[in-house]
């Protein structure tokens, strides 16, 4: 209990920011365009700055991330492919099966995961968090999109797929950060400080934006949330537990192991919701999973942090 309360105290400020955004949304002090503007700032400026700031001071001879990338890649791909047997067993529609490619695999590892990991374990975990975010984004925009398009009505468009990867700010920022490290590029102090300023601004902005998004969603009737609750339990507790059991002896160091499990337990993110809208999937279900998962993460994430020690 003491470990849980300590973990809850650690992440409480993050969820208080989310609650503030919800309050602003419910009182109409903040409205629709705010979410779009704040998310664009985070996606194109804040998170890329945080990723670059996290990576550019790494020791090229230091920690290896190969095992981390491989383990998380296998986990993400496996979760996506689970959509096929689950849809067959429960006789889900093709549209819901396509939605499961997103629901089962992609937690909010950037907007919520990075702040939670940083708050819980300090700045030392930021490079790991940045790498994990890049891995999740890569597989979402490649395998995730391929599965949706290959099993839906639209045909696969390789050119569009490649453009989405090349233009993705998170992947670009990882490439920039790694390039600086590998070629030992000396970044001028004033640029370093500027990047750090943007990096330090992003946490409050994305969490406040997430709160506004939550406040904009209608509650509905309780029975409509039963299936939503089931998906949240599967993605935030059952699948992470299976992962934790599977990789205990996989050779990850302590921070990599904890970051992998906690990121796997993150609630569904906003990017899958945007893709669900784009591909005309089960948008109402996806939005509600985002909402309920984020609300329950106030309890579930501290439980995971306490469980992992």
C-alpha atoms as a PDB file:
ATOM      1  CA  UNK A   1       0.000   0.000   0.000  1.00  0.00           C
ATOM      2  CA  UNK A   2       2.838   2.369   0.854  1.00  0.00           C
ATOM      3  CA  UNK A   3       4.451   1.753  -2.570  1.00  0.00           C
ATOM      4  CA  UNK A   4       1.122   2.465  -4.310  1.00  0.00           C
ATOM      5  CA  UNK A   5       0.599   5.729  -2.405  1.00  0.00           C
ATOM      6  CA  UNK A   6       4.142   6.824  -3.227  1.00  0.00           C
ATOM      7  CA  UNK A   7       3.590   6.010  -6.925  1.00  0.00           C
ATOM      8  CA  UNK A   8       0.233   7.802  -6.875  1.00  0.00           C
ATOM      9  CA  UNK A   9       1.840  10.852  -5.281  1.00  0.00           C
ATOM     10  CA  UNK A  10       4.515  10.806  -7.992  1.00  0.00           C
ATOM     11  CA  UNK A  11       2.081  10.873 -10.927  1.00  0.00           C
ATOM     12  CA  UNK A  12      -0.705  12.869  -9.225  1.00  0.00           C
ATOM     13  CA  UNK A  13       0.480  16.252 -10.616  1.00  0.00           C
ATOM     14  CA  UNK A  14       0.214  14.851 -14.156  1.00  0.00           C
ATOM     15  CA  UNK A  15      -3.391  13.769 -13.673  1.00  0.00           C
ATOM     16  CA  UNK A  16      -4.197  17.052 -11.950  1.00  0.00           C
ATOM     17  CA  UNK A  17      -3.171  18.826 -15.165  1.00  0.00           C
ATOM     18  CA  UNK A  18      -5.472  16.487 -17.126  1.00  0.00           C
ATOM     19  CA  UNK A  19      -8.309  17.245 -14.701  1.00  0.00           C
ATOM     20  CA  UNK A  20      -7.701  20.981 -15.144  1.00  0.00           C
ATOM     21  CA  UNK A  21      -8.055  20.575 -18.914  1.00  0.00           C
ATOM     22  CA  UNK A  22     -11.306  18.646 -18.406  1.00  0.00           C
ATOM     23  CA  UNK A  23     -12.594  21.385 -16.110  1.00  0.00           C
ATOM     24  CA  UNK A  24     -11.773  24.065 -18.681  1.00  0.00           C
ATOM     25  CA  UNK A  25     -13.539  22.013 -21.350  1.00  0.00           C
ATOM     26  CA  UNK A  26     -16.681  21.377 -19.286  1.00  0.00           C
ATOM     27  CA  UNK A  27     -16.976  25.069 -18.352  1.00  0.00           C
ATOM     28  CA  UNK A  28     -16.506  26.066 -22.025  1.00  0.00           C
ATOM     29  CA  UNK A  29     -13.377  28.040 -21.143  1.00  0.00           C
ATOM     30  CA  UNK A  30     -11.568  25.823 -23.666  1.00  0.00           C
ATOM     31  CA  UNK A  31     -13.157  24.325 -26.782  1.00  0.00           C
ATOM     32  CA  UNK A  32     -12.477  22.220 -29.906  1.00  0.00           C
ATOM     33  CA  UNK A  33      -9.743  24.244 -31.671  1.00  0.00           C
ATOM     34  CA  UNK A  34      -7.641  24.223 -28.512  1.00  0.00           C
ATOM     35  CA  UNK A  35      -7.046  20.475 -28.772  1.00  0.00           C
ATOM     36  CA  UNK A  36      -5.950  20.715 -32.400  1.00  0.00           C
ATOM     37  CA  UNK A  37      -3.589  23.645 -31.787  1.00  0.00           C
ATOM     38  CA  UNK A  38      -2.046  22.214 -28.610  1.00  0.00           C
ATOM     39  CA  UNK A  39      -1.599  18.762 -30.170  1.00  0.00           C
ATOM     40  CA  UNK A  40       0.083  20.236 -33.235  1.00  0.00           C
ATOM     41  CA  UNK A  41       2.466  22.165 -31.008  1.00  0.00           C
ATOM     42  CA  UNK A  42       3.269  18.982 -29.095  1.00  0.00           C
ATOM     43  CA  UNK A  43       3.648  16.846 -32.219  1.00  0.00           C
ATOM     44  CA  UNK A  44       5.734  19.251 -34.301  1.00  0.00           C
ATOM     45  CA  UNK A  45       7.705  21.175 -31.653  1.00  0.00           C
ATOM     46  CA  UNK A  46       7.426  19.940 -28.064  1.00  0.00           C
ATOM     47  CA  UNK A  47       7.948  16.195 -28.395  1.00  0.00           C
ATOM     48  CA  UNK A  48      10.609  16.417 -31.133  1.00  0.00           C
ATOM     49  CA  UNK A  49      12.513  18.840 -28.880  1.00  0.00           C
ATOM     50  CA  UNK A  50      12.135  16.456 -25.924  1.00  0.00           C
ATOM     51  CA  UNK A  51      13.357  13.502 -28.000  1.00  0.00           C
ATOM     52  CA  UNK A  52      16.358  15.405 -29.390  1.00  0.00           C
ATOM     53  CA  UNK A  53      17.236  16.783 -25.944  1.00  0.00           C
ATOM     54  CA  UNK A  54      17.026  13.254 -24.507  1.00  0.00           C
ATOM     55  CA  UNK A  55      19.203  11.629 -27.161  1.00  0.00           C
ATOM     56  CA  UNK A  56      21.860  14.162 -28.105  1.00  0.00           C
ATOM     57  CA  UNK A  57      23.807  13.870 -24.848  1.00  0.00           C
ATOM     58  CA  UNK A  58      23.992  10.068 -24.913  1.00  0.00           C
ATOM     59  CA  UNK A  59      27.291   8.227 -24.831  1.00  0.00           C
ATOM     60  CA  UNK A  60      27.567   6.341 -28.184  1.00  0.00           C
ATOM     61  CA  UNK A  61      29.488   3.588 -26.392  1.00  0.00           C
ATOM     62  CA  UNK A  62      26.933   3.360 -23.601  1.00  0.00           C
ATOM     63  CA  UNK A  63      23.578   1.644 -23.281  1.00  0.00           C
ATOM     64  CA  UNK A  64      22.357  -0.604 -26.121  1.00  0.00           C
ATOM     65  CA  UNK A  65      18.725  -0.375 -27.241  1.00  0.00           C
ATOM     66  CA  UNK A  66      18.678  -3.291 -29.699  1.00  0.00           C
ATOM     67  CA  UNK A  67      17.015  -5.753 -27.310  1.00  0.00           C
ATOM     68  CA  UNK A  68      14.557  -3.077 -26.184  1.00  0.00           C
ATOM     69  CA  UNK A  69      13.511  -2.374 -29.779  1.00  0.00           C
ATOM     70  CA  UNK A  70      13.198  -6.054 -30.690  1.00  0.00           C
ATOM     71  CA  UNK A  71      11.129  -7.031 -27.641  1.00  0.00           C
ATOM     72  CA  UNK A  72       8.713  -4.136 -28.004  1.00  0.00           C
ATOM     73  CA  UNK A  73       8.419  -4.663 -31.768  1.00  0.00           C
ATOM     74  CA  UNK A  74       7.443  -8.315 -31.244  1.00  0.00           C
ATOM     75  CA  UNK A  75       4.959  -7.314 -28.534  1.00  0.00           C
ATOM     76  CA  UNK A  76       3.282  -4.623 -30.668  1.00  0.00           C
ATOM     77  CA  UNK A  77       3.034  -6.894 -33.722  1.00  0.00           C
ATOM     78  CA  UNK A  78       1.634  -9.749 -31.601  1.00  0.00           C
ATOM     79  CA  UNK A  79      -1.022  -7.483 -30.081  1.00  0.00           C
ATOM     80  CA  UNK A  80      -2.097  -6.331 -33.531  1.00  0.00           C
ATOM     81  CA  UNK A  81      -2.353  -9.876 -34.847  1.00  0.00           C
ATOM     82  CA  UNK A  82      -4.424 -10.939 -31.825  1.00  0.00           C
ATOM     83  CA  UNK A  83      -7.256  -9.010 -33.465  1.00  0.00           C
ATOM     84  CA  UNK A  84      -7.807 -11.915 -35.879  1.00  0.00           C
ATOM     85  CA  UNK A  85      -8.515 -14.710 -33.340  1.00  0.00           C
ATOM     86  CA  UNK A  86     -10.397 -12.357 -30.988  1.00  0.00           C
ATOM     87  CA  UNK A  87     -12.651 -11.123 -33.806  1.00  0.00           C
ATOM     88  CA  UNK A  88     -13.286 -14.702 -34.934  1.00  0.00           C
ATOM     89  CA  UNK A  89     -14.086 -15.991 -31.420  1.00  0.00           C
ATOM     90  CA  UNK A  90     -16.472 -13.151 -30.544  1.00  0.00           C
ATOM     91  CA  UNK A  91     -17.836 -12.794 -34.101  1.00  0.00           C
ATOM     92  CA  UNK A  92     -16.885  -9.125 -34.350  1.00  0.00           C
ATOM     93  CA  UNK A  93     -17.580  -7.185 -37.547  1.00  0.00           C
ATOM     94  CA  UNK A  94     -14.792  -6.455 -40.010  1.00  0.00           C
ATOM     95  CA  UNK A  95     -14.875  -2.789 -38.950  1.00  0.00           C
ATOM     96  CA  UNK A  96     -14.434  -3.691 -35.278  1.00  0.00           C
ATOM     97  CA  UNK A  97     -11.650  -6.136 -36.159  1.00  0.00           C
ATOM     98  CA  UNK A  98      -9.817  -3.328 -37.960  1.00  0.00           C
ATOM     99  CA  UNK A  99     -10.342  -1.127 -34.911  1.00  0.00           C
ATOM    100  CA  UNK A 100      -8.721  -3.819 -32.741  1.00  0.00           C
ATOM    101  CA  UNK A 101      -5.454  -3.453 -34.683  1.00  0.00           C
ATOM    102  CA  UNK A 102      -5.259  -0.019 -33.024  1.00  0.00           C
ATOM    103  CA  UNK A 103      -6.973  -0.727 -29.688  1.00  0.00           C
ATOM    104  CA  UNK A 104      -4.846  -3.717 -28.675  1.00  0.00           C
ATOM    105  CA  UNK A 105      -1.436  -2.350 -29.612  1.00  0.00           C
ATOM    106  CA  UNK A 106      -0.999   1.386 -29.147  1.00  0.00           C
ATOM    107  CA  UNK A 107      -1.013   2.982 -25.715  1.00  0.00           C
ATOM    108  CA  UNK A 108      -0.466   6.678 -25.119  1.00  0.00           C
ATOM    109  CA  UNK A 109       3.301   6.201 -24.816  1.00  0.00           C
ATOM    110  CA  UNK A 110       4.176   9.727 -25.928  1.00  0.00           C
ATOM    111  CA  UNK A 111       1.599  12.158 -24.535  1.00  0.00           C
ATOM    112  CA  UNK A 112       1.170  10.298 -21.233  1.00  0.00           C
ATOM    113  CA  UNK A 113       3.933   7.678 -21.192  1.00  0.00           C
ATOM    114  CA  UNK A 114       6.905  10.038 -21.400  1.00  0.00           C
ATOM    115  CA  UNK A 115       5.645  12.367 -18.608  1.00  0.00           C
ATOM    116  CA  UNK A 116       4.794   9.388 -16.364  1.00  0.00           C
ATOM    117  CA  UNK A 117       8.168   7.713 -16.874  1.00  0.00           C
ATOM    118  CA  UNK A 118      10.039  10.972 -16.357  1.00  0.00           C
ATOM    119  CA  UNK A 119       8.073  11.814 -13.221  1.00  0.00           C
ATOM    120  CA  UNK A 120       8.553   8.310 -11.793  1.00  0.00           C
ATOM    121  CA  UNK A 121      12.194   7.562 -12.690  1.00  0.00           C
ATOM    122  CA  UNK A 122      13.809  10.914 -13.502  1.00  0.00           C
ATOM    123  CA  UNK A 123      15.590  12.205 -16.596  1.00  0.00           C
ATOM    124  CA  UNK A 124      17.765   9.074 -16.884  1.00  0.00           C
ATOM    125  CA  UNK A 125      14.836   7.195 -18.420  1.00  0.00           C
ATOM    126  CA  UNK A 126      14.124   9.792 -21.138  1.00  0.00           C
ATOM    127  CA  UNK A 127      16.286   8.165 -23.853  1.00  0.00           C
ATOM    128  CA  UNK A 128      14.499   4.852 -23.250  1.00  0.00           C
ATOM    129  CA  UNK A 129      11.119   6.611 -23.345  1.00  0.00           C
ATOM    130  CA  UNK A 130      12.040   8.361 -26.590  1.00  0.00           C
ATOM    131  CA  UNK A 131      13.132   5.118 -28.257  1.00  0.00           C
ATOM    132  CA  UNK A 132       9.958   3.344 -27.124  1.00  0.00           C
ATOM    133  CA  UNK A 133       7.770   6.144 -28.496  1.00  0.00           C
ATOM    134  CA  UNK A 134       9.530   5.911 -31.848  1.00  0.00           C
ATOM    135  CA  UNK A 135       9.063   2.114 -31.940  1.00  0.00           C
ATOM    136  CA  UNK A 136       5.333   2.366 -31.210  1.00  0.00           C
ATOM    137  CA  UNK A 137       4.818   5.125 -33.787  1.00  0.00           C
ATOM    138  CA  UNK A 138       6.782   3.203 -36.434  1.00  0.00           C
ATOM    139  CA  UNK A 139       4.697   0.033 -36.106  1.00  0.00           C
ATOM    140  CA  UNK A 140       1.418   1.939 -35.844  1.00  0.00           C
ATOM    141  CA  UNK A 141       2.107   3.794 -39.096  1.00  0.00           C
ATOM    142  CA  UNK A 142       3.437   0.726 -40.931  1.00  0.00           C
ATOM    143  CA  UNK A 143       2.014  -2.628 -39.835  1.00  0.00           C
ATOM    144  CA  UNK A 144      -1.072  -1.033 -38.267  1.00  0.00           C
ATOM    145  CA  UNK A 145      -1.998   0.897 -41.409  1.00  0.00           C
ATOM    146  CA  UNK A 146      -1.133  -2.072 -43.669  1.00  0.00           C
ATOM    147  CA  UNK A 147      -3.442  -4.381 -41.692  1.00  0.00           C
ATOM    148  CA  UNK A 148      -6.297  -1.845 -41.749  1.00  0.00           C
ATOM    149  CA  UNK A 149      -5.958  -1.210 -45.485  1.00  0.00           C
ATOM    150  CA  UNK A 150      -5.363  -4.843 -46.489  1.00  0.00           C
ATOM    151  CA  UNK A 151      -8.437  -6.089 -44.596  1.00  0.00           C
ATOM    152  CA  UNK A 152     -10.657  -3.127 -45.453  1.00  0.00           C
ATOM    153  CA  UNK A 153     -12.068  -1.590 -48.587  1.00  0.00           C
ATOM    154  CA  UNK A 154      -9.060   0.619 -49.365  1.00  0.00           C
ATOM    155  CA  UNK A 155      -5.988  -0.762 -51.114  1.00  0.00           C
ATOM    156  CA  UNK A 156      -2.491  -0.428 -49.664  1.00  0.00           C
ATOM    157  CA  UNK A 157      -0.715   2.722 -50.871  1.00  0.00           C
ATOM    158  CA  UNK A 158       3.048   2.282 -50.377  1.00  0.00           C
ATOM    159  CA  UNK A 159       3.850   5.861 -51.411  1.00  0.00           C
ATOM    160  CA  UNK A 160       1.457   7.322 -48.835  1.00  0.00           C
ATOM    161  CA  UNK A 161       2.808   4.890 -46.234  1.00  0.00           C
ATOM    162  CA  UNK A 162       6.402   5.964 -46.827  1.00  0.00           C
ATOM    163  CA  UNK A 163       5.453   9.658 -46.781  1.00  0.00           C
ATOM    164  CA  UNK A 164       3.696   9.269 -43.416  1.00  0.00           C
ATOM    165  CA  UNK A 165       6.897   7.756 -41.980  1.00  0.00           C
ATOM    166  CA  UNK A 166       9.300  10.248 -43.553  1.00  0.00           C
ATOM    167  CA  UNK A 167       7.177  13.193 -42.390  1.00  0.00           C
ATOM    168  CA  UNK A 168       6.530  11.931 -38.850  1.00  0.00           C
ATOM    169  CA  UNK A 169       8.120  14.420 -36.410  1.00  0.00           C
ATOM    170  CA  UNK A 170       8.841  11.815 -33.707  1.00  0.00           C
ATOM    171  CA  UNK A 171      10.746   9.560 -36.095  1.00  0.00           C
ATOM    172  CA  UNK A 172      12.583  12.546 -37.591  1.00  0.00           C
ATOM    173  CA  UNK A 173      13.617  13.741 -34.125  1.00  0.00           C
ATOM    174  CA  UNK A 174      14.965  10.278 -33.221  1.00  0.00           C
ATOM    175  CA  UNK A 175      17.012  10.309 -36.431  1.00  0.00           C
ATOM    176  CA  UNK A 176      18.331  13.819 -35.634  1.00  0.00           C
ATOM    177  CA  UNK A 177      19.227  12.882 -32.057  1.00  0.00           C
ATOM    178  CA  UNK A 178      20.979   9.657 -33.090  1.00  0.00           C
ATOM    179  CA  UNK A 179      22.872  11.501 -35.853  1.00  0.00           C
ATOM    180  CA  UNK A 180      24.161  14.070 -33.346  1.00  0.00           C
ATOM    181  CA  UNK A 181      25.385  11.274 -31.074  1.00  0.00           C
ATOM    182  CA  UNK A 182      26.947   9.037 -33.734  1.00  0.00           C
ATOM    183  CA  UNK A 183      28.801  11.840 -35.509  1.00  0.00           C
ATOM    184  CA  UNK A 184      29.591  13.621 -32.217  1.00  0.00           C
ATOM    185  CA  UNK A 185      28.219  16.906 -33.517  1.00  0.00           C
ATOM    186  CA  UNK A 186      28.871  19.820 -31.177  1.00  0.00           C
ATOM    187  CA  UNK A 187      25.581  21.650 -30.689  1.00  0.00           C
ATOM    188  CA  UNK A 188      26.001  25.353 -29.798  1.00  0.00           C
ATOM    189  CA  UNK A 189      24.948  26.162 -26.241  1.00  0.00           C
ATOM    190  CA  UNK A 190      22.221  28.619 -27.286  1.00  0.00           C
ATOM    191  CA  UNK A 191      20.598  25.979 -29.530  1.00  0.00           C
ATOM    192  CA  UNK A 192      20.877  23.367 -26.772  1.00  0.00           C
ATOM    193  CA  UNK A 193      19.118  25.720 -24.327  1.00  0.00           C
ATOM    194  CA  UNK A 194      16.427  26.607 -26.875  1.00  0.00           C
ATOM    195  CA  UNK A 195      15.673  22.926 -27.497  1.00  0.00           C
ATOM    196  CA  UNK A 196      15.538  22.364 -23.735  1.00  0.00           C
ATOM    197  CA  UNK A 197      13.025  25.202 -23.311  1.00  0.00           C
ATOM    198  CA  UNK A 198      10.676  23.651 -25.855  1.00  0.00           C
ATOM    199  CA  UNK A 199      11.222  20.197 -24.328  1.00  0.00           C
ATOM    200  CA  UNK A 200      10.303  21.404 -20.840  1.00  0.00           C
ATOM    201  CA  UNK A 201       7.082  22.997 -22.107  1.00  0.00           C
ATOM    202  CA  UNK A 202       5.487  19.936 -23.667  1.00  0.00           C
ATOM    203  CA  UNK A 203       4.352  17.876 -20.668  1.00  0.00           C
ATOM    204  CA  UNK A 204       1.797  20.337 -19.276  1.00  0.00           C
ATOM    205  CA  UNK A 205       0.568  21.212 -22.772  1.00  0.00           C
ATOM    206  CA  UNK A 206      -0.198  17.658 -23.930  1.00  0.00           C
ATOM    207  CA  UNK A 207      -1.794  16.651 -20.626  1.00  0.00           C
ATOM    208  CA  UNK A 208      -3.951  19.779 -20.584  1.00  0.00           C
ATOM    209  CA  UNK A 209      -4.969  19.035 -24.195  1.00  0.00           C
ATOM    210  CA  UNK A 210      -5.833  15.450 -23.239  1.00  0.00           C
ATOM    211  CA  UNK A 211      -8.032  16.804 -20.454  1.00  0.00           C
ATOM    212  CA  UNK A 212      -9.899  19.045 -22.903  1.00  0.00           C
ATOM    213  CA  UNK A 213     -10.469  16.036 -25.182  1.00  0.00           C
ATOM    214  CA  UNK A 214     -11.882  14.002 -22.281  1.00  0.00           C
ATOM    215  CA  UNK A 215     -14.222  16.839 -21.344  1.00  0.00           C
ATOM    216  CA  UNK A 216     -15.651  17.020 -24.851  1.00  0.00           C
ATOM    217  CA  UNK A 217     -16.918  13.423 -24.847  1.00  0.00           C
ATOM    218  CA  UNK A 218     -20.500  12.633 -23.866  1.00  0.00           C
ATOM    219  CA  UNK A 219     -20.952  10.149 -21.025  1.00  0.00           C
ATOM    220  CA  UNK A 220     -23.821   8.069 -22.447  1.00  0.00           C
ATOM    221  CA  UNK A 221     -25.611   5.288 -20.553  1.00  0.00           C
ATOM    222  CA  UNK A 222     -23.709   2.836 -18.275  1.00  0.00           C
ATOM    223  CA  UNK A 223     -24.471  -0.329 -20.291  1.00  0.00           C
ATOM    224  CA  UNK A 224     -22.718   1.175 -23.324  1.00  0.00           C
ATOM    225  CA  UNK A 225     -19.459   1.160 -21.345  1.00  0.00           C
ATOM    226  CA  UNK A 226     -19.370  -2.563 -20.478  1.00  0.00           C
ATOM    227  CA  UNK A 227     -17.472  -3.583 -23.633  1.00  0.00           C
ATOM    228  CA  UNK A 228     -15.295  -0.482 -23.299  1.00  0.00           C
ATOM    229  CA  UNK A 229     -14.335  -1.549 -19.756  1.00  0.00           C
ATOM    230  CA  UNK A 230     -13.463  -5.033 -21.019  1.00  0.00           C
ATOM    231  CA  UNK A 231     -11.081  -3.688 -23.637  1.00  0.00           C
ATOM    232  CA  UNK A 232      -9.451  -1.373 -21.080  1.00  0.00           C
ATOM    233  CA  UNK A 233      -8.809  -4.279 -18.683  1.00  0.00           C
ATOM    234  CA  UNK A 234      -7.340  -6.400 -21.479  1.00  0.00           C
ATOM    235  CA  UNK A 235      -5.016  -3.685 -22.803  1.00  0.00           C
ATOM    236  CA  UNK A 236      -3.918  -2.122 -19.502  1.00  0.00           C
ATOM    237  CA  UNK A 237      -3.720  -5.177 -17.231  1.00  0.00           C
ATOM    238  CA  UNK A 238      -3.937  -8.579 -18.932  1.00  0.00           C
ATOM    239  CA  UNK A 239      -1.626  -8.011 -21.921  1.00  0.00           C
ATOM    240  CA  UNK A 240       1.014  -6.131 -19.853  1.00  0.00           C
ATOM    241  CA  UNK A 241       0.940  -8.957 -17.266  1.00  0.00           C
ATOM    242  CA  UNK A 242       1.593 -11.516 -20.009  1.00  0.00           C
ATOM    243  CA  UNK A 243       4.413  -9.335 -21.341  1.00  0.00           C
ATOM    244  CA  UNK A 244       5.923  -8.919 -17.875  1.00  0.00           C
ATOM    245  CA  UNK A 245       5.898 -12.678 -17.359  1.00  0.00           C
ATOM    246  CA  UNK A 246       7.404 -13.315 -20.819  1.00  0.00           C
ATOM    247  CA  UNK A 247      10.386 -10.937 -20.697  1.00  0.00           C
ATOM    248  CA  UNK A 248      11.593 -11.262 -17.104  1.00  0.00           C
ATOM    249  CA  UNK A 249      14.758 -13.003 -18.298  1.00  0.00           C
ATOM    250  CA  UNK A 250      15.074 -11.263 -21.682  1.00  0.00           C
ATOM    251  CA  UNK A 251      18.175  -9.283 -20.776  1.00  0.00           C
ATOM    252  CA  UNK A 252      16.726  -5.778 -20.418  1.00  0.00           C
ATOM    253  CA  UNK A 253      18.232  -3.557 -17.752  1.00  0.00           C
ATOM    254  CA  UNK A 254      16.026  -2.315 -14.920  1.00  0.00           C
ATOM    255  CA  UNK A 255      14.923   0.977 -16.501  1.00  0.00           C
ATOM    256  CA  UNK A 256      14.288  -0.617 -19.905  1.00  0.00           C
ATOM    257  CA  UNK A 257      12.225  -3.388 -18.306  1.00  0.00           C
ATOM    258  CA  UNK A 258      10.101  -1.014 -16.228  1.00  0.00           C
ATOM    259  CA  UNK A 259       9.598   1.401 -19.132  1.00  0.00           C
ATOM    260  CA  UNK A 260       8.545  -1.469 -21.418  1.00  0.00           C
ATOM    261  CA  UNK A 261       5.906  -2.749 -18.988  1.00  0.00           C
ATOM    262  CA  UNK A 262       4.567   0.670 -17.988  1.00  0.00           C
ATOM    263  CA  UNK A 263       4.316   1.811 -21.615  1.00  0.00           C
ATOM    264  CA  UNK A 264       2.480  -1.405 -22.502  1.00  0.00           C
ATOM    265  CA  UNK A 265      -0.045  -0.529 -19.759  1.00  0.00           C
ATOM    266  CA  UNK A 266      -0.724   2.987 -21.025  1.00  0.00           C
ATOM    267  CA  UNK A 267      -4.314   3.846 -21.999  1.00  0.00           C
ATOM    268  CA  UNK A 268      -5.184   4.085 -25.678  1.00  0.00           C
ATOM    269  CA  UNK A 269      -3.741   7.217 -27.297  1.00  0.00           C
ATOM    270  CA  UNK A 270      -5.217   9.937 -29.484  1.00  0.00           C
ATOM    271  CA  UNK A 271      -3.363   8.860 -32.644  1.00  0.00           C
ATOM    272  CA  UNK A 272      -5.368   5.603 -32.963  1.00  0.00           C
ATOM    273  CA  UNK A 273      -8.531   7.689 -32.549  1.00  0.00           C
ATOM    274  CA  UNK A 274      -7.421   9.945 -35.410  1.00  0.00           C
ATOM    275  CA  UNK A 275      -6.732   6.861 -37.575  1.00  0.00           C
ATOM    276  CA  UNK A 276     -10.125   5.389 -36.622  1.00  0.00           C
ATOM    277  CA  UNK A 277     -11.776   8.574 -37.878  1.00  0.00           C
ATOM    278  CA  UNK A 278      -9.668   8.583 -41.047  1.00  0.00           C
ATOM    279  CA  UNK A 279     -10.534   4.965 -41.933  1.00  0.00           C
ATOM    280  CA  UNK A 280     -14.166   5.177 -40.744  1.00  0.00           C
ATOM    281  CA  UNK A 281     -13.752   2.516 -38.054  1.00  0.00           C
ATOM    282  CA  UNK A 282     -15.537   2.216 -34.681  1.00  0.00           C
ATOM    283  CA  UNK A 283     -14.779   5.830 -33.716  1.00  0.00           C
ATOM    284  CA  UNK A 284     -17.277   6.018 -30.827  1.00  0.00           C
ATOM    285  CA  UNK A 285     -15.843   2.855 -29.245  1.00  0.00           C
ATOM    286  CA  UNK A 286     -12.244   4.014 -29.727  1.00  0.00           C
ATOM    287  CA  UNK A 287     -12.995   7.456 -28.236  1.00  0.00           C
ATOM    288  CA  UNK A 288     -14.634   5.877 -25.183  1.00  0.00           C
ATOM    289  CA  UNK A 289     -11.692   3.525 -24.660  1.00  0.00           C
ATOM    290  CA  UNK A 290      -9.403   6.582 -24.719  1.00  0.00           C
ATOM    291  CA  UNK A 291     -11.621   8.328 -22.150  1.00  0.00           C
ATOM    292  CA  UNK A 292     -12.167   5.413 -19.740  1.00  0.00           C
ATOM    293  CA  UNK A 293      -8.586   4.152 -20.051  1.00  0.00           C
ATOM    294  CA  UNK A 294      -7.205   7.598 -19.224  1.00  0.00           C
ATOM    295  CA  UNK A 295      -9.539   7.957 -16.234  1.00  0.00           C
ATOM    296  CA  UNK A 296      -8.679   4.501 -14.863  1.00  0.00           C
ATOM    297  CA  UNK A 297      -4.971   5.092 -15.436  1.00  0.00           C
ATOM    298  CA  UNK A 298      -5.058   7.323 -12.346  1.00  0.00           C
ATOM    299  CA  UNK A 299      -5.241   4.044 -10.402  1.00  0.00           C
ATOM    300  CA  UNK A 300      -3.806   1.466 -12.829  1.00  0.00           C
ATOM    301  CA  UNK A 301      -0.526   3.241 -13.651  1.00  0.00           C
ATOM    302  CA  UNK A 302       0.464   3.851  -9.994  1.00  0.00           C
ATOM    303  CA  UNK A 303      -0.407   0.198  -9.303  1.00  0.00           C
ATOM    304  CA  UNK A 304       1.976  -0.875 -12.054  1.00  0.00           C
ATOM    305  CA  UNK A 305       4.718   1.466 -10.803  1.00  0.00           C
ATOM    306  CA  UNK A 306       4.309   0.086  -7.275  1.00  0.00           C
ATOM    307  CA  UNK A 307       4.186  -3.511  -8.546  1.00  0.00           C
ATOM    308  CA  UNK A 308       7.438  -3.073 -10.488  1.00  0.00           C
ATOM    309  CA  UNK A 309       9.122  -1.416  -7.529  1.00  0.00           C
END
